[in-house]
Amino acid sequence: MLHLTVEQARGFYAEHDGKPFFDGLVEFMTSGPIVVSVLEGENAVQRHRDLLGATNPANALAGTLRADYADSLTENGTHGSDSVESAAREIAYFFGEGEVCPRTR
């Protein structure tokens, strides 16, 4: 668990800089502690996104994390990588070499 600085949040979400929701996203992501984790497995990115639900909680299926816990589109409570490539970049943003244990099963 960690508490993002404004600089860290702006860096992590840099691809959204200039979009109308960017400042609110940074504000929300720095408003309290967050949990960062790495999930591995077959189709891990898609399976995790299925658990999260649609980015907009109004469109998320009942039983998904965003449908059940999100407050709004900006404050949707969770983040999940949208591709294996994004996951690699995002993992490297928070974890250094050797900090993520390899999958053994």
PDB file of N, CA and C in Angstrom:
ATOM      1  N   MET A   1       0.856  -1.160   0.000  1.00  0.00           N
ATOM      2  CA  MET A   1       0.000   0.000   0.000  1.00  0.00           C
ATOM      3  C   MET A   1       0.906   1.229   0.000  1.00  0.00           C
ATOM      4  N   LEU A   2       0.476   2.249  -0.727  1.00  0.00           N
ATOM      5  CA  LEU A   2       1.234   3.492  -0.775  1.00  0.00           C
ATOM      6  C   LEU A   2       0.301   4.662  -1.020  1.00  0.00           C
ATOM      7  N   HIS A   3       0.829   5.847  -0.782  1.00  0.00           N
ATOM      8  CA  HIS A   3       0.069   7.073  -1.017  1.00  0.00           C
ATOM      9  C   HIS A   3       0.774   7.815  -2.148  1.00  0.00           C
ATOM     10  N   LEU A   4       0.124   7.905  -3.300  1.00  0.00           N
ATOM     11  CA  LEU A   4       0.728   8.562  -4.458  1.00  0.00           C
ATOM     12  C   LEU A   4       0.894  10.055  -4.223  1.00  0.00           C
ATOM     13  N   THR A   5       2.021  10.583  -4.679  1.00  0.00           N
ATOM     14  CA  THR A   5       2.180  12.027  -4.744  1.00  0.00           C
ATOM     15  C   THR A   5       1.476  12.506  -6.011  1.00  0.00           C
ATOM     16  N   VAL A   6       1.244  13.799  -6.102  1.00  0.00           N
ATOM     17  CA  VAL A   6       0.649  14.363  -7.316  1.00  0.00           C
ATOM     18  C   VAL A   6       1.539  14.046  -8.510  1.00  0.00           C
ATOM     19  N   GLU A   7       2.840  14.176  -8.339  1.00  0.00           N
ATOM     20  CA  GLU A   7       3.775  13.888  -9.433  1.00  0.00           C
ATOM     21  C   GLU A   7       3.668  12.431  -9.887  1.00  0.00           C
ATOM     22  N   GLN A   8       3.594  11.502  -8.951  1.00  0.00           N
ATOM     23  CA  GLN A   8       3.466  10.083  -9.304  1.00  0.00           C
ATOM     24  C   GLN A   8       2.158   9.814 -10.042  1.00  0.00           C
ATOM     25  N   ALA A   9       1.073  10.370  -9.554  1.00  0.00           N
ATOM     26  CA  ALA A   9      -0.224  10.153 -10.201  1.00  0.00           C
ATOM     27  C   ALA A   9      -0.239  10.751 -11.600  1.00  0.00           C
ATOM     28  N   ARG A  10       0.304  11.956 -11.752  1.00  0.00           N
ATOM     29  CA  ARG A  10       0.357  12.591 -13.071  1.00  0.00           C
ATOM     30  C   ARG A  10       1.217  11.752 -14.026  1.00  0.00           C
ATOM     31  N   GLY A  11       2.309  11.197 -13.526  1.00  0.00           N
ATOM     32  CA  GLY A  11       3.166  10.355 -14.358  1.00  0.00           C
ATOM     33  C   GLY A  11       2.487   9.060 -14.761  1.00  0.00           C
ATOM     34  N   PHE A  12       1.821   8.433 -13.805  1.00  0.00           N
ATOM     35  CA  PHE A  12       1.159   7.160 -14.090  1.00  0.00           C
ATOM     36  C   PHE A  12       0.049   7.330 -15.120  1.00  0.00           C
ATOM     37  N   TYR A  13      -0.699   8.410 -15.017  1.00  0.00           N
ATOM     38  CA  TYR A  13      -1.822   8.666 -15.922  1.00  0.00           C
ATOM     39  C   TYR A  13      -1.480   9.678 -17.011  1.00  0.00           C
ATOM     40  N   ALA A  14      -0.202   9.804 -17.347  1.00  0.00           N
ATOM     41  CA  ALA A  14       0.254  10.813 -18.314  1.00  0.00           C
ATOM     42  C   ALA A  14      -0.476  10.729 -19.648  1.00  0.00           C
ATOM     43  N   GLU A  15      -0.882   9.545 -20.070  1.00  0.00           N
ATOM     44  CA  GLU A  15      -1.580   9.399 -21.351  1.00  0.00           C
ATOM     45  C   GLU A  15      -2.914  10.146 -21.370  1.00  0.00           C
ATOM     46  N   HIS A  16      -3.422  10.491 -20.197  1.00  0.00           N
ATOM     47  CA  HIS A  16      -4.698  11.213 -20.107  1.00  0.00           C
ATOM     48  C   HIS A  16      -4.524  12.713 -19.871  1.00  0.00           C
ATOM     49  N   ASP A  17      -3.272  13.164 -19.769  1.00  0.00           N
ATOM     50  CA  ASP A  17      -3.012  14.591 -19.543  1.00  0.00           C
ATOM     51  C   ASP A  17      -3.672  15.414 -20.648  1.00  0.00           C
ATOM     52  N   GLY A  18      -4.349  16.467 -20.262  1.00  0.00           N
ATOM     53  CA  GLY A  18      -5.040  17.319 -21.228  1.00  0.00           C
ATOM     54  C   GLY A  18      -6.499  16.960 -21.431  1.00  0.00           C
ATOM     55  N   LYS A  19      -6.914  15.799 -20.949  1.00  0.00           N
ATOM     56  CA  LYS A  19      -8.318  15.402 -21.060  1.00  0.00           C
ATOM     57  C   LYS A  19      -9.104  16.052 -19.920  1.00  0.00           C
ATOM     58  N   PRO A  20     -10.395  16.273 -20.119  1.00  0.00           N
ATOM     59  CA  PRO A  20     -11.191  17.001 -19.119  1.00  0.00           C
ATOM     60  C   PRO A  20     -11.191  16.373 -17.724  1.00  0.00           C
ATOM     61  N   PHE A  21     -11.041  15.073 -17.640  1.00  0.00           N
ATOM     62  CA  PHE A  21     -11.123  14.388 -16.349  1.00  0.00           C
ATOM     63  C   PHE A  21      -9.788  14.239 -15.641  1.00  0.00           C
ATOM     64  N   PHE A  22      -8.689  14.658 -16.286  1.00  0.00           N
ATOM     65  CA  PHE A  22      -7.347  14.376 -15.772  1.00  0.00           C
ATOM     66  C   PHE A  22      -7.117  14.934 -14.366  1.00  0.00           C
ATOM     67  N   ASP A  23      -7.396  16.195 -14.157  1.00  0.00           N
ATOM     68  CA  ASP A  23      -7.125  16.797 -12.846  1.00  0.00           C
ATOM     69  C   ASP A  23      -7.936  16.127 -11.740  1.00  0.00           C
ATOM     70  N   GLY A  24      -9.194  15.795 -12.017  1.00  0.00           N
ATOM     71  CA  GLY A  24     -10.020  15.106 -11.031  1.00  0.00           C
ATOM     72  C   GLY A  24      -9.497  13.712 -10.729  1.00  0.00           C
ATOM     73  N   LEU A  25      -8.988  13.041 -11.751  1.00  0.00           N
ATOM     74  CA  LEU A  25      -8.413  11.711 -11.571  1.00  0.00           C
ATOM     75  C   LEU A  25      -7.184  11.784 -10.678  1.00  0.00           C
ATOM     76  N   VAL A  26      -6.309  12.738 -10.960  1.00  0.00           N
ATOM     77  CA  VAL A  26      -5.104  12.909 -10.141  1.00  0.00           C
ATOM     78  C   VAL A  26      -5.495  13.241  -8.699  1.00  0.00           C
ATOM     79  N   GLU A  27      -6.464  14.119  -8.535  1.00  0.00           N
ATOM     80  CA  GLU A  27      -6.916  14.484  -7.186  1.00  0.00           C
ATOM     81  C   GLU A  27      -7.445  13.259  -6.439  1.00  0.00           C
ATOM     82  N   PHE A  28      -8.262  12.460  -7.119  1.00  0.00           N
ATOM     83  CA  PHE A  28      -8.808  11.261  -6.478  1.00  0.00           C
ATOM     84  C   PHE A  28      -7.706  10.263  -6.139  1.00  0.00           C
ATOM     85  N   MET A  29      -6.782  10.048  -7.065  1.00  0.00           N
ATOM     86  CA  MET A  29      -5.739   9.045  -6.860  1.00  0.00           C
ATOM     87  C   MET A  29      -4.738   9.444  -5.782  1.00  0.00           C
ATOM     88  N   THR A  30      -4.705  10.710  -5.414  1.00  0.00           N
ATOM     89  CA  THR A  30      -3.808  11.161  -4.352  1.00  0.00           C
ATOM     90  C   THR A  30      -4.562  11.443  -3.053  1.00  0.00           C
ATOM     91  N   SER A  31      -5.845  11.123  -3.009  1.00  0.00           N
ATOM     92  CA  SER A  31      -6.665  11.454  -1.843  1.00  0.00           C
ATOM     93  C   SER A  31      -6.533  10.462  -0.692  1.00  0.00           C
ATOM     94  N   GLY A  32      -5.891   9.351  -0.931  1.00  0.00           N
ATOM     95  CA  GLY A  32      -5.723   8.348   0.113  1.00  0.00           C
ATOM     96  C   GLY A  32      -4.819   7.242  -0.369  1.00  0.00           C
ATOM     97  N   PRO A  33      -4.561   6.267   0.477  1.00  0.00           N
ATOM     98  CA  PRO A  33      -3.667   5.180   0.079  1.00  0.00           C
ATOM     99  C   PRO A  33      -4.276   4.309  -1.020  1.00  0.00           C
ATOM    100  N   ILE A  34      -3.400   3.702  -1.798  1.00  0.00           N
ATOM    101  CA  ILE A  34      -3.804   2.766  -2.843  1.00  0.00           C
ATOM    102  C   ILE A  34      -3.054   1.458  -2.645  1.00  0.00           C
ATOM    103  N   VAL A  35      -3.568   0.407  -3.227  1.00  0.00           N
ATOM    104  CA  VAL A  35      -2.906  -0.893  -3.219  1.00  0.00           C
ATOM    105  C   VAL A  35      -2.475  -1.187  -4.642  1.00  0.00           C
ATOM    106  N   VAL A  36      -1.195  -1.471  -4.819  1.00  0.00           N
ATOM    107  CA  VAL A  36      -0.709  -1.865  -6.142  1.00  0.00           C
ATOM    108  C   VAL A  36      -0.369  -3.347  -6.087  1.00  0.00           C
ATOM    109  N   SER A  37      -0.703  -4.058  -7.143  1.00  0.00           N
ATOM    110  CA  SER A  37      -0.471  -5.493  -7.166  1.00  0.00           C
ATOM    111  C   SER A  37      -0.208  -5.948  -8.589  1.00  0.00           C
ATOM    112  N   VAL A  38       0.348  -7.131  -8.689  1.00  0.00           N
ATOM    113  CA  VAL A  38       0.604  -7.757  -9.981  1.00  0.00           C
ATOM    114  C   VAL A  38      -0.133  -9.091  -9.981  1.00  0.00           C
ATOM    115  N   LEU A  39      -0.971  -9.289 -10.975  1.00  0.00           N
ATOM    116  CA  LEU A  39      -1.703 -10.540 -11.122  1.00  0.00           C
ATOM    117  C   LEU A  39      -1.146 -11.293 -12.318  1.00  0.00           C
ATOM    118  N   GLU A  40      -0.962 -12.584 -12.169  1.00  0.00           N
ATOM    119  CA  GLU A  40      -0.473 -13.406 -13.266  1.00  0.00           C
ATOM    120  C   GLU A  40      -1.409 -14.578 -13.476  1.00  0.00           C
ATOM    121  N   GLY A  41      -1.446 -15.053 -14.703  1.00  0.00           N
ATOM    122  CA  GLY A  41      -2.247 -16.217 -15.025  1.00  0.00           C
ATOM    123  C   GLY A  41      -2.704 -16.150 -16.464  1.00  0.00           C
ATOM    124  N   GLU A  42      -3.363 -17.200 -16.902  1.00  0.00           N
ATOM    125  CA  GLU A  42      -3.896 -17.235 -18.255  1.00  0.00           C
ATOM    126  C   GLU A  42      -4.907 -16.110 -18.434  1.00  0.00           C
ATOM    127  N   ASN A  43      -4.709 -15.315 -19.474  1.00  0.00           N
ATOM    128  CA  ASN A  43      -5.618 -14.199 -19.776  1.00  0.00           C
ATOM    129  C   ASN A  43      -5.846 -13.289 -18.572  1.00  0.00           C
ATOM    130  N   ALA A  44      -4.790 -13.040 -17.804  1.00  0.00           N
ATOM    131  CA  ALA A  44      -4.911 -12.274 -16.556  1.00  0.00           C
ATOM    132  C   ALA A  44      -5.481 -10.879 -16.780  1.00  0.00           C
ATOM    133  N   VAL A  45      -5.056 -10.201 -17.838  1.00  0.00           N
ATOM    134  CA  VAL A  45      -5.544  -8.838 -18.078  1.00  0.00           C
ATOM    135  C   VAL A  45      -7.051  -8.858 -18.296  1.00  0.00           C
ATOM    136  N   GLN A  46      -7.523  -9.707 -19.179  1.00  0.00           N
ATOM    137  CA  GLN A  46      -8.957  -9.748 -19.473  1.00  0.00           C
ATOM    138  C   GLN A  46      -9.767 -10.251 -18.284  1.00  0.00           C
ATOM    139  N   ARG A  47      -9.268 -11.251 -17.600  1.00  0.00           N
ATOM    140  CA  ARG A  47      -9.997 -11.788 -16.453  1.00  0.00           C
ATOM    141  C   ARG A  47     -10.123 -10.740 -15.342  1.00  0.00           C
ATOM    142  N   HIS A  48      -9.058  -9.964 -15.149  1.00  0.00           N
ATOM    143  CA  HIS A  48      -9.110  -8.901 -14.143  1.00  0.00           C
ATOM    144  C   HIS A  48     -10.092  -7.819 -14.564  1.00  0.00           C
ATOM    145  N   ARG A  49     -10.068  -7.453 -15.835  1.00  0.00           N
ATOM    146  CA  ARG A  49     -11.001  -6.434 -16.325  1.00  0.00           C
ATOM    147  C   ARG A  49     -12.453  -6.911 -16.195  1.00  0.00           C
ATOM    148  N   ASP A  50     -12.671  -8.203 -16.387  1.00  0.00           N
ATOM    149  CA  ASP A  50     -14.018  -8.752 -16.207  1.00  0.00           C
ATOM    150  C   ASP A  50     -14.480  -8.601 -14.751  1.00  0.00           C
ATOM    151  N   LEU A  51     -13.571  -8.791 -13.804  1.00  0.00           N
ATOM    152  CA  LEU A  51     -13.905  -8.615 -12.388  1.00  0.00           C
ATOM    153  C   LEU A  51     -14.177  -7.154 -12.047  1.00  0.00           C
ATOM    154  N   LEU A  52     -13.417  -6.251 -12.694  1.00  0.00           N
ATOM    155  CA  LEU A  52     -13.576  -4.819 -12.427  1.00  0.00           C
ATOM    156  C   LEU A  52     -14.895  -4.291 -12.963  1.00  0.00           C
ATOM    157  N   GLY A  53     -15.259  -4.704 -14.163  1.00  0.00           N
ATOM    158  CA  GLY A  53     -16.442  -4.160 -14.825  1.00  0.00           C
ATOM    159  C   GLY A  53     -16.077  -2.971 -15.697  1.00  0.00           C
ATOM    160  N   ALA A  54     -17.056  -2.431 -16.374  1.00  0.00           N
ATOM    161  CA  ALA A  54     -16.840  -1.302 -17.285  1.00  0.00           C
ATOM    162  C   ALA A  54     -16.262  -0.113 -16.527  1.00  0.00           C
ATOM    163  N   THR A  55     -15.422   0.667 -17.216  1.00  0.00           N
ATOM    164  CA  THR A  55     -14.798   1.843 -16.605  1.00  0.00           C
ATOM    165  C   THR A  55     -15.847   2.778 -16.021  1.00  0.00           C
ATOM    166  N   ASN A  56     -16.924   2.973 -16.754  1.00  0.00           N
ATOM    167  CA  ASN A  56     -18.028   3.788 -16.250  1.00  0.00           C
ATOM    168  C   ASN A  56     -18.922   2.883 -15.402  1.00  0.00           C
ATOM    169  N   PRO A  57     -18.977   3.115 -14.102  1.00  0.00           N
ATOM    170  CA  PRO A  57     -19.766   2.219 -13.251  1.00  0.00           C
ATOM    171  C   PRO A  57     -21.240   2.146 -13.633  1.00  0.00           C
ATOM    172  N   ALA A  58     -21.746   3.162 -14.303  1.00  0.00           N
ATOM    173  CA  ALA A  58     -23.144   3.127 -14.756  1.00  0.00           C
ATOM    174  C   ALA A  58     -23.358   2.038 -15.799  1.00  0.00           C
ATOM    175  N   ASN A  59     -22.272   1.632 -16.468  1.00  0.00           N
ATOM    176  CA  ASN A  59     -22.347   0.594 -17.494  1.00  0.00           C
ATOM    177  C   ASN A  59     -21.824  -0.756 -17.010  1.00  0.00           C
ATOM    178  N   ALA A  60     -21.370  -0.825 -15.772  1.00  0.00           N
ATOM    179  CA  ALA A  60     -20.773  -2.054 -15.246  1.00  0.00           C
ATOM    180  C   ALA A  60     -21.862  -3.041 -14.827  1.00  0.00           C
ATOM    181  N   LEU A  61     -21.613  -4.304 -15.096  1.00  0.00           N
ATOM    182  CA  LEU A  61     -22.558  -5.356 -14.717  1.00  0.00           C
ATOM    183  C   LEU A  61     -22.618  -5.515 -13.201  1.00  0.00           C
ATOM    184  N   ALA A  62     -23.789  -5.812 -12.690  1.00  0.00           N
ATOM    185  CA  ALA A  62     -23.959  -6.075 -11.259  1.00  0.00           C
ATOM    186  C   ALA A  62     -22.996  -7.174 -10.834  1.00  0.00           C
ATOM    187  N   GLY A  63     -22.411  -7.010  -9.670  1.00  0.00           N
ATOM    188  CA  GLY A  63     -21.471  -7.998  -9.159  1.00  0.00           C
ATOM    189  C   GLY A  63     -20.028  -7.694  -9.480  1.00  0.00           C
ATOM    190  N   THR A  64     -19.783  -6.731 -10.369  1.00  0.00           N
ATOM    191  CA  THR A  64     -18.401  -6.327 -10.633  1.00  0.00           C
ATOM    192  C   THR A  64     -17.995  -5.287  -9.593  1.00  0.00           C
ATOM    193  N   LEU A  65     -16.693  -5.112  -9.416  1.00  0.00           N
ATOM    194  CA  LEU A  65     -16.206  -4.175  -8.406  1.00  0.00           C
ATOM    195  C   LEU A  65     -16.696  -2.756  -8.650  1.00  0.00           C
ATOM    196  N   ARG A  66     -16.657  -2.323  -9.898  1.00  0.00           N
ATOM    197  CA  ARG A  66     -17.083  -0.952 -10.183  1.00  0.00           C
ATOM    198  C   ARG A  66     -18.590  -0.770 -10.010  1.00  0.00           C
ATOM    199  N   ALA A  67     -19.372  -1.747 -10.393  1.00  0.00           N
ATOM    200  CA  ALA A  67     -20.822  -1.636 -10.198  1.00  0.00           C
ATOM    201  C   ALA A  67     -21.158  -1.568  -8.712  1.00  0.00           C
ATOM    202  N   ASP A  68     -20.436  -2.339  -7.917  1.00  0.00           N
ATOM    203  CA  ASP A  68     -20.757  -2.439  -6.495  1.00  0.00           C
ATOM    204  C   ASP A  68     -20.142  -1.339  -5.632  1.00  0.00           C
ATOM    205  N   TYR A  69     -18.969  -0.800  -6.049  1.00  0.00           N
ATOM    206  CA  TYR A  69     -18.239   0.090  -5.143  1.00  0.00           C
ATOM    207  C   TYR A  69     -17.873   1.460  -5.699  1.00  0.00           C
ATOM    208  N   ALA A  70     -17.965   1.679  -6.985  1.00  0.00           N
ATOM    209  CA  ALA A  70     -17.541   2.960  -7.559  1.00  0.00           C
ATOM    210  C   ALA A  70     -18.531   4.067  -7.231  1.00  0.00           C
ATOM    211  N   ASP A  71     -18.003   5.276  -7.104  1.00  0.00           N
ATOM    212  CA  ASP A  71     -18.840   6.449  -6.855  1.00  0.00           C
ATOM    213  C   ASP A  71     -19.181   7.197  -8.135  1.00  0.00           C
ATOM    214  N   SER A  72     -18.275   7.151  -9.111  1.00  0.00           N
ATOM    215  CA  SER A  72     -18.474   7.898 -10.356  1.00  0.00           C
ATOM    216  C   SER A  72     -17.479   7.400 -11.393  1.00  0.00           C
ATOM    217  N   LEU A  73     -17.542   7.953 -12.578  1.00  0.00           N
ATOM    218  CA  LEU A  73     -16.596   7.590 -13.635  1.00  0.00           C
ATOM    219  C   LEU A  73     -15.166   7.889 -13.201  1.00  0.00           C
ATOM    220  N   THR A  74     -14.937   9.051 -12.608  1.00  0.00           N
ATOM    221  CA  THR A  74     -13.591   9.418 -12.159  1.00  0.00           C
ATOM    222  C   THR A  74     -13.205   8.663 -10.899  1.00  0.00           C
ATOM    223  N   GLU A  75     -14.143   8.475 -10.010  1.00  0.00           N
ATOM    224  CA  GLU A  75     -13.883   7.786  -8.746  1.00  0.00           C
ATOM    225  C   GLU A  75     -14.433   6.363  -8.815  1.00  0.00           C
ATOM    226  N   ASN A  76     -13.874   5.595  -9.782  1.00  0.00           N
ATOM    227  CA  ASN A  76     -14.414   4.257 -10.001  1.00  0.00           C
ATOM    228  C   ASN A  76     -13.728   3.188  -9.161  1.00  0.00           C
ATOM    229  N   GLY A  77     -12.832   3.618  -8.292  1.00  0.00           N
ATOM    230  CA  GLY A  77     -12.315   2.743  -7.260  1.00  0.00           C
ATOM    231  C   GLY A  77     -11.240   1.755  -7.650  1.00  0.00           C
ATOM    232  N   THR A  78     -11.042   1.520  -8.928  1.00  0.00           N
ATOM    233  CA  THR A  78     -10.082   0.501  -9.336  1.00  0.00           C
ATOM    234  C   THR A  78      -9.382   0.902 -10.625  1.00  0.00           C
ATOM    235  N   HIS A  79      -8.249   0.273 -10.854  1.00  0.00           N
ATOM    236  CA  HIS A  79      -7.554   0.433 -12.128  1.00  0.00           C
ATOM    237  C   HIS A  79      -7.133  -0.949 -12.583  1.00  0.00           C
ATOM    238  N   GLY A  80      -7.261  -1.197 -13.845  1.00  0.00           N
ATOM    239  CA  GLY A  80      -6.777  -2.437 -14.433  1.00  0.00           C
ATOM    240  C   GLY A  80      -6.156  -2.144 -15.776  1.00  0.00           C
ATOM    241  N   SER A  81      -5.019  -2.729 -16.023  1.00  0.00           N
ATOM    242  CA  SER A  81      -4.341  -2.536 -17.305  1.00  0.00           C
ATOM    243  C   SER A  81      -5.256  -2.956 -18.440  1.00  0.00           C
ATOM    244  N   ASP A  82      -5.145  -2.249 -19.572  1.00  0.00           N
ATOM    245  CA  ASP A  82      -6.010  -2.570 -20.714  1.00  0.00           C
ATOM    246  C   ASP A  82      -5.349  -3.500 -21.716  1.00  0.00           C
ATOM    247  N   SER A  83      -4.081  -3.825 -21.503  1.00  0.00           N
ATOM    248  CA  SER A  83      -3.369  -4.736 -22.404  1.00  0.00           C
ATOM    249  C   SER A  83      -2.142  -5.279 -21.680  1.00  0.00           C
ATOM    250  N   VAL A  84      -1.568  -6.320 -22.236  1.00  0.00           N
ATOM    251  CA  VAL A  84      -0.340  -6.884 -21.671  1.00  0.00           C
ATOM    252  C   VAL A  84       0.774  -5.842 -21.726  1.00  0.00           C
ATOM    253  N   GLU A  85       0.812  -5.065 -22.802  1.00  0.00           N
ATOM    254  CA  GLU A  85       1.841  -4.029 -22.947  1.00  0.00           C
ATOM    255  C   GLU A  85       1.679  -2.947 -21.878  1.00  0.00           C
ATOM    256  N   SER A  86       0.450  -2.512 -21.659  1.00  0.00           N
ATOM    257  CA  SER A  86       0.195  -1.521 -20.600  1.00  0.00           C
ATOM    258  C   SER A  86       0.564  -2.096 -19.237  1.00  0.00           C
ATOM    259  N   ALA A  87       0.228  -3.353 -19.019  1.00  0.00           N
ATOM    260  CA  ALA A  87       0.550  -3.993 -17.741  1.00  0.00           C
ATOM    261  C   ALA A  87       2.051  -3.976 -17.497  1.00  0.00           C
ATOM    262  N   ALA A  88       2.836  -4.298 -18.510  1.00  0.00           N
ATOM    263  CA  ALA A  88       4.294  -4.297 -18.353  1.00  0.00           C
ATOM    264  C   ALA A  88       4.794  -2.906 -17.978  1.00  0.00           C
ATOM    265  N   ARG A  89       4.284  -1.883 -18.643  1.00  0.00           N
ATOM    266  CA  ARG A  89       4.686  -0.502 -18.355  1.00  0.00           C
ATOM    267  C   ARG A  89       4.255  -0.106 -16.938  1.00  0.00           C
ATOM    268  N   GLU A  90       3.047  -0.459 -16.571  1.00  0.00           N
ATOM    269  CA  GLU A  90       2.516  -0.076 -15.265  1.00  0.00           C
ATOM    270  C   GLU A  90       3.208  -0.825 -14.126  1.00  0.00           C
ATOM    271  N   ILE A  91       3.541  -2.078 -14.343  1.00  0.00           N
ATOM    272  CA  ILE A  91       4.290  -2.842 -13.340  1.00  0.00           C
ATOM    273  C   ILE A  91       5.649  -2.197 -13.122  1.00  0.00           C
ATOM    274  N   ALA A  92       6.315  -1.837 -14.214  1.00  0.00           N
ATOM    275  CA  ALA A  92       7.633  -1.200 -14.112  1.00  0.00           C
ATOM    276  C   ALA A  92       7.550   0.159 -13.416  1.00  0.00           C
ATOM    277  N   TYR A  93       6.413   0.816 -13.505  1.00  0.00           N
ATOM    278  CA  TYR A  93       6.242   2.122 -12.861  1.00  0.00           C
ATOM    279  C   TYR A  93       6.305   1.992 -11.338  1.00  0.00           C
ATOM    280  N   PHE A  94       5.778   0.905 -10.806  1.00  0.00           N
ATOM    281  CA  PHE A  94       5.696   0.738  -9.359  1.00  0.00           C
ATOM    282  C   PHE A  94       6.689  -0.252  -8.760  1.00  0.00           C
ATOM    283  N   PHE A  95       7.191  -1.172  -9.552  1.00  0.00           N
ATOM    284  CA  PHE A  95       8.047  -2.221  -9.022  1.00  0.00           C
ATOM    285  C   PHE A  95       9.390  -2.234  -9.735  1.00  0.00           C
ATOM    286  N   GLY A  96      10.446  -2.408  -8.957  1.00  0.00           N
ATOM    287  CA  GLY A  96      11.784  -2.506  -9.517  1.00  0.00           C
ATOM    288  C   GLY A  96      12.126  -3.936  -9.889  1.00  0.00           C
ATOM    289  N   GLU A  97      13.258  -4.068 -10.533  1.00  0.00           N
ATOM    290  CA  GLU A  97      13.768  -5.388 -10.929  1.00  0.00           C
ATOM    291  C   GLU A  97      13.861  -6.293  -9.703  1.00  0.00           C
ATOM    292  N   GLY A  98      13.344  -7.485  -9.811  1.00  0.00           N
ATOM    293  CA  GLY A  98      13.433  -8.458  -8.737  1.00  0.00           C
ATOM    294  C   GLY A  98      12.365  -8.331  -7.657  1.00  0.00           C
ATOM    295  N   GLU A  99      11.504  -7.331  -7.744  1.00  0.00           N
ATOM    296  CA  GLU A  99      10.464  -7.164  -6.724  1.00  0.00           C
ATOM    297  C   GLU A  99       9.214  -7.994  -7.008  1.00  0.00           C
ATOM    298  N   VAL A 100       9.057  -8.449  -8.234  1.00  0.00           N
ATOM    299  CA  VAL A 100       7.904  -9.264  -8.596  1.00  0.00           C
ATOM    300  C   VAL A 100       8.385 -10.697  -8.763  1.00  0.00           C
ATOM    301  N   CYS A 101       7.833 -11.587  -7.969  1.00  0.00           N
ATOM    302  CA  CYS A 101       8.232 -12.991  -8.040  1.00  0.00           C
ATOM    303  C   CYS A 101       7.660 -13.628  -9.300  1.00  0.00           C
ATOM    304  N   PRO A 102       8.442 -14.483  -9.963  1.00  0.00           N
ATOM    305  CA  PRO A 102       7.927 -15.142 -11.166  1.00  0.00           C
ATOM    306  C   PRO A 102       6.850 -16.162 -10.820  1.00  0.00           C
ATOM    307  N   ARG A 103       5.965 -16.346 -11.759  1.00  0.00           N
ATOM    308  CA  ARG A 103       4.911 -17.356 -11.605  1.00  0.00           C
ATOM    309  C   ARG A 103       5.555 -18.734 -11.630  1.00  0.00           C
ATOM    310  N   THR A 104       5.185 -19.595 -10.698  1.00  0.00           N
ATOM    311  CA  THR A 104       5.804 -20.919 -10.622  1.00  0.00           C
ATOM    312  C   THR A 104       4.843 -22.049 -10.947  1.00  0.00           C
ATOM    313  N   ARG A 105       3.559 -21.760 -11.069  1.00  0.00           N
ATOM    314  CA  ARG A 105       2.606 -22.811 -11.412  1.00  0.00           C
ATOM    315  C   ARG A 105       1.699 -22.347 -12.520  1.00  0.00           C
TER     316      ARG A 105
END
